[in-house]
Amino acid sequence: MKKTKILIASAILGIATFVAIAADHIDAPAVSGGTSDITDFYAFQGANTSNLVFVANVQGLLSPEATGSASFDENTLIEFNIDTDSDNVEDLVIQATARDGKMYFFGPTAPSQTGLNSTILATTAVQGSVDITDYGQTAVIGSANGMQFFAGPRDDPFFMDFNRYGEIIGGTATSFNNPGADTFAGFNVMSVVVEVPKSMIGGTGTINTWVESKRKQ
């Protein structure tokens, strides 16, 4: 689970340079290498300053050869959680689930239940879908209800000199090189992106936001 806090500003008081990031590569033994493994979570203001963008990346360390056959797990639900009153409980969720070459989105809307278990909100009026983009093809963008959607492989954006990190942890080095070697260069992830008007999640104020992947039971 990834969690961060961001400030939603009005369109006039836009936070144009704000980016919130949480990352977690190759150190979750229960899901590492699996289709439900979350590698990164990003939340930032869109090019349209009235919108927020949420990005969940899964299935890290995909080589170009592996990316061509990679797909989203149809038994996994990706859920963006939004806490609008600072009680660390989700007040709104945006859900994404794959089916037959498409990614379906539901929300933002109040969840039917909070916590670790979720029910797909297929009956909500706020929903959309997009064809999943194939590797090496032009990005397919979907839109509905003022939102935009993307799902498909992308280059892993996270920069980390993992070998140097190991040397620092092991006590054989004391600092990172500048710029160092990008361990994740050339690898890909499967990305789910949704851009949402701020008015759909409160408009102004501070929110907590995190993402979870949940497998069908």
Protein backbone atom coordinates (compact mmCIF):
# COMPACT_ATOMS: atom_id res chain seq x y z
CA MET A 1 0.00 0.00 0.00
CA LYS A 2 1.30 3.48 -0.88
CA LYS A 3 0.20 6.56 1.00
CA THR A 4 0.87 10.28 0.71
CA LYS A 5 -0.73 13.60 1.51
CA ILE A 6 -1.40 16.38 -0.98
CA LEU A 7 -3.09 19.76 -0.96
CA ILE A 8 -5.88 20.30 -3.43
CA ALA A 9 -5.81 23.93 -4.49
CA SER A 10 -8.43 25.79 -6.44
CA ALA A 11 -7.89 26.45 -10.13
CA ILE A 12 -6.79 29.98 -9.25
CA LEU A 13 -4.44 28.91 -6.46
CA GLY A 14 -2.97 26.05 -8.45
CA ILE A 15 0.00 24.05 -7.10
CA ALA A 16 1.68 23.81 -10.46
CA THR A 17 4.98 22.35 -9.27
CA PHE A 18 3.63 19.88 -6.73
CA VAL A 19 4.32 16.17 -7.18
CA ALA A 20 3.76 13.45 -4.59
CA ILE A 21 5.55 10.14 -5.07
CA ALA A 22 5.71 6.82 -3.26
CA ALA A 23 7.82 3.95 -4.58
CA ASP A 24 8.54 0.39 -3.52
CA HIS A 25 10.57 -1.83 -5.87
CA ILE A 26 11.51 -5.51 -5.46
CA ASP A 27 11.23 -5.73 -1.67
CA ALA A 28 7.75 -7.14 -1.07
CA PRO A 29 8.33 -10.93 -0.98
CA ALA A 30 4.64 -11.87 -0.95
CA VAL A 31 3.92 -10.10 -4.24
CA SER A 32 7.33 -9.32 -5.78
CA GLY A 33 7.29 -10.22 -9.46
CA GLY A 34 3.53 -10.80 -9.34
CA THR A 35 0.80 -9.10 -11.26
CA SER A 36 -0.50 -7.34 -8.14
CA ASP A 37 2.85 -5.87 -7.04
CA ILE A 38 2.63 -2.04 -6.82
CA THR A 39 5.95 -0.41 -7.70
CA ASP A 40 5.05 3.29 -7.72
CA PHE A 41 2.25 5.68 -6.83
CA TYR A 42 2.18 9.25 -8.14
CA ALA A 43 -0.31 12.04 -7.45
CA PHE A 44 0.13 15.47 -9.02
CA GLN A 45 -1.69 18.42 -10.48
CA GLY A 46 -2.52 18.01 -14.15
CA ALA A 47 -1.57 20.28 -17.03
CA ASN A 48 -5.12 21.51 -16.56
CA THR A 49 -4.70 22.97 -13.08
CA SER A 50 -8.32 22.16 -12.25
CA ASN A 51 -7.45 18.44 -12.34
CA LEU A 52 -5.46 15.93 -10.30
CA VAL A 53 -3.69 12.93 -11.80
CA PHE A 54 -3.31 9.58 -10.02
CA VAL A 55 -0.88 6.96 -11.34
CA ALA A 56 -0.39 3.39 -10.10
CA ASN A 57 2.41 1.29 -11.59
CA VAL A 58 2.46 -2.49 -11.15
CA GLN A 59 4.63 -5.40 -12.30
CA GLY A 60 8.05 -3.77 -12.05
CA LEU A 61 11.30 -4.83 -13.73
CA LEU A 62 9.67 -5.94 -16.98
CA SER A 63 12.30 -6.36 -19.68
CA PRO A 64 11.35 -5.25 -23.22
CA GLU A 65 10.97 -8.93 -24.13
CA ALA A 66 8.70 -9.60 -21.14
CA THR A 67 6.67 -6.43 -21.65
CA GLY A 68 5.28 -7.63 -24.97
CA SER A 69 3.49 -10.51 -23.25
CA ALA A 70 2.67 -8.71 -19.98
CA SER A 71 -0.97 -8.05 -19.15
CA PHE A 72 -3.09 -6.77 -16.30
CA ASP A 73 -4.45 -9.45 -13.99
CA GLU A 74 -8.23 -9.60 -14.41
CA ASN A 75 -8.51 -10.91 -10.84
CA THR A 76 -6.78 -7.84 -9.39
CA LEU A 77 -8.55 -4.60 -8.47
CA ILE A 78 -6.45 -1.43 -8.32
CA GLU A 79 -8.01 1.06 -5.91
CA PHE A 80 -7.04 4.70 -5.43
CA ASN A 81 -8.16 5.78 -1.95
CA ILE A 82 -8.88 9.42 -1.04
CA ASP A 83 -9.31 10.63 2.54
CA THR A 84 -10.86 14.11 2.62
CA ASP A 85 -11.18 14.66 6.39
CA SER A 86 -7.77 13.52 7.68
CA ASP A 87 -9.03 10.51 9.65
CA ASN A 88 -6.93 8.09 7.54
CA VAL A 89 -10.06 6.33 6.30
CA GLU A 90 -11.02 6.51 2.64
CA ASP A 91 -14.01 8.75 1.91
CA LEU A 92 -13.79 8.27 -1.86
CA VAL A 93 -12.31 5.58 -4.08
CA ILE A 94 -11.46 5.26 -7.74
CA GLN A 95 -11.35 1.63 -8.84
CA ALA A 96 -9.72 0.14 -11.94
CA THR A 97 -10.16 -3.42 -13.15
CA ALA A 98 -9.18 -5.07 -16.43
CA ARG A 99 -11.47 -7.20 -18.60
CA ASP A 100 -11.07 -8.42 -22.18
CA GLY A 101 -8.49 -5.86 -23.28
CA LYS A 102 -10.08 -2.88 -21.55
CA MET A 103 -9.52 -1.16 -18.21
CA TYR A 104 -12.76 -0.17 -16.49
CA PHE A 105 -12.87 2.69 -13.98
CA PHE A 106 -15.46 3.37 -11.27
CA GLY A 107 -15.65 6.50 -9.10
CA PRO A 108 -14.64 8.72 -7.50
CA THR A 109 -17.44 7.77 -5.16
CA ALA A 110 -17.92 6.64 -1.58
CA PRO A 111 -16.88 3.01 -1.06
CA SER A 112 -19.44 0.41 -0.07
CA GLN A 113 -17.04 -0.55 2.73
CA THR A 114 -13.70 0.73 4.00
CA GLY A 115 -10.53 -1.12 4.87
CA LEU A 116 -8.86 -4.09 3.26
CA ASN A 117 -11.91 -5.55 1.53
CA SER A 118 -13.63 -3.91 -1.43
CA THR A 119 -16.61 -4.43 -3.69
CA ILE A 120 -16.40 -3.29 -7.31
CA LEU A 121 -18.70 -0.29 -7.66
CA ALA A 122 -20.05 -1.29 -11.05
CA THR A 123 -23.44 0.32 -10.41
CA THR A 124 -22.07 3.83 -9.87
CA ALA A 125 -22.95 6.43 -12.47
CA VAL A 126 -19.38 7.78 -12.42
CA GLN A 127 -17.41 5.42 -14.60
CA GLY A 128 -15.41 5.09 -17.80
CA SER A 129 -13.17 2.71 -19.73
CA VAL A 130 -10.21 2.67 -22.08
CA ASP A 131 -8.62 0.12 -24.39
CA ILE A 132 -5.40 -1.17 -22.86
CA THR A 133 -2.49 0.16 -24.95
CA ASP A 134 -0.24 -2.52 -26.47
CA TYR A 135 3.52 -2.33 -25.94
CA GLY A 136 5.22 -0.04 -28.45
CA GLN A 137 1.96 1.50 -29.66
CA THR A 138 0.69 5.06 -29.40
CA ALA A 139 -1.03 5.66 -26.07
CA VAL A 140 -4.81 5.20 -26.15
CA ILE A 141 -6.59 7.80 -23.99
CA GLY A 142 -10.17 7.36 -22.85
CA SER A 143 -12.47 10.04 -21.48
CA ALA A 144 -15.82 10.17 -19.69
CA ASN A 145 -17.52 12.40 -17.14
CA GLY A 146 -14.73 14.98 -17.31
CA MET A 147 -12.05 12.38 -16.53
CA GLN A 148 -9.31 10.85 -18.67
CA PHE A 149 -7.89 7.33 -18.48
CA PHE A 150 -4.88 5.31 -19.62
CA ALA A 151 -3.75 1.73 -19.02
CA GLY A 152 -0.75 -0.04 -20.50
CA PRO A 153 3.04 -0.47 -20.41
CA ARG A 154 5.29 2.51 -19.78
CA ASP A 155 9.01 2.98 -19.17
CA ASP A 156 9.80 2.68 -15.45
CA PRO A 157 10.21 6.33 -14.34
CA PHE A 158 11.88 5.55 -11.02
CA PHE A 159 15.64 6.32 -10.75
CA MET A 160 17.61 4.26 -8.24
CA ASP A 161 21.23 3.14 -8.05
CA PHE A 162 20.33 -0.10 -6.32
CA ASN A 163 23.85 -1.54 -6.26
CA ARG A 164 25.22 1.60 -4.63
CA TYR A 165 22.35 1.51 -2.15
CA GLY A 166 23.40 -2.02 -1.20
CA GLU A 167 26.98 -0.86 -0.70
CA ILE A 168 25.84 1.96 1.59
CA ILE A 169 23.63 -0.40 3.62
CA GLY A 170 26.50 -2.89 3.76
CA GLY A 171 28.92 -0.26 5.05
CA THR A 172 31.30 -0.30 2.09
CA ALA A 173 30.20 3.14 0.83
CA THR A 174 28.98 6.30 2.52
CA SER A 175 27.22 8.25 -0.22
CA PHE A 176 25.57 7.94 -3.61
CA ASN A 177 27.43 8.78 -6.79
CA ASN A 178 26.19 11.74 -8.80
CA PRO A 179 24.28 10.86 -10.91
CA GLY A 180 24.96 7.17 -10.31
CA ALA A 181 23.72 4.22 -12.36
CA ASP A 182 19.98 3.82 -12.93
CA THR A 183 19.22 0.21 -12.00
CA PHE A 184 15.77 0.46 -13.57
CA ALA A 185 16.87 1.88 -16.93
CA GLY A 186 15.45 -0.16 -19.79
CA PHE A 187 12.78 -1.81 -17.65
CA ASN A 188 9.05 -1.21 -17.89
CA VAL A 189 5.95 -1.22 -15.70
CA MET A 190 2.24 -1.60 -16.29
CA SER A 191 0.61 1.77 -15.60
CA VAL A 192 -2.92 2.79 -14.66
CA VAL A 193 -3.59 6.54 -14.94
CA VAL A 194 -6.70 8.55 -14.17
CA GLU A 195 -7.06 12.34 -14.36
CA VAL A 196 -9.92 13.71 -12.27
CA PRO A 197 -11.41 17.20 -11.84
CA LYS A 198 -10.70 18.52 -8.36
CA SER A 199 -14.38 19.38 -8.05
CA MET A 200 -15.15 15.64 -7.97
CA ILE A 201 -13.04 15.12 -4.85
CA GLY A 202 -13.77 18.24 -2.87
CA GLY A 203 -12.25 21.10 -4.83
CA THR A 204 -10.04 22.56 -2.07
CA GLY A 205 -8.36 21.44 1.13
CA THR A 206 -5.92 18.71 2.09
CA ILE A 207 -6.38 15.07 1.19
CA ASN A 208 -4.57 11.86 2.07
CA THR A 209 -4.30 9.46 -0.83
CA TRP A 210 -2.97 5.94 -1.24
CA VAL A 211 -3.32 3.01 -3.63
CA GLU A 212 -3.96 -0.66 -3.04
CA SER A 213 -4.08 -3.75 -5.21
CA LYS A 214 -6.65 -6.33 -4.15
CA ARG A 215 -7.04 -9.82 -5.52
CA LYS A 216 -10.41 -11.44 -6.07
CA GLN A 217 -11.27 -13.91 -3.30
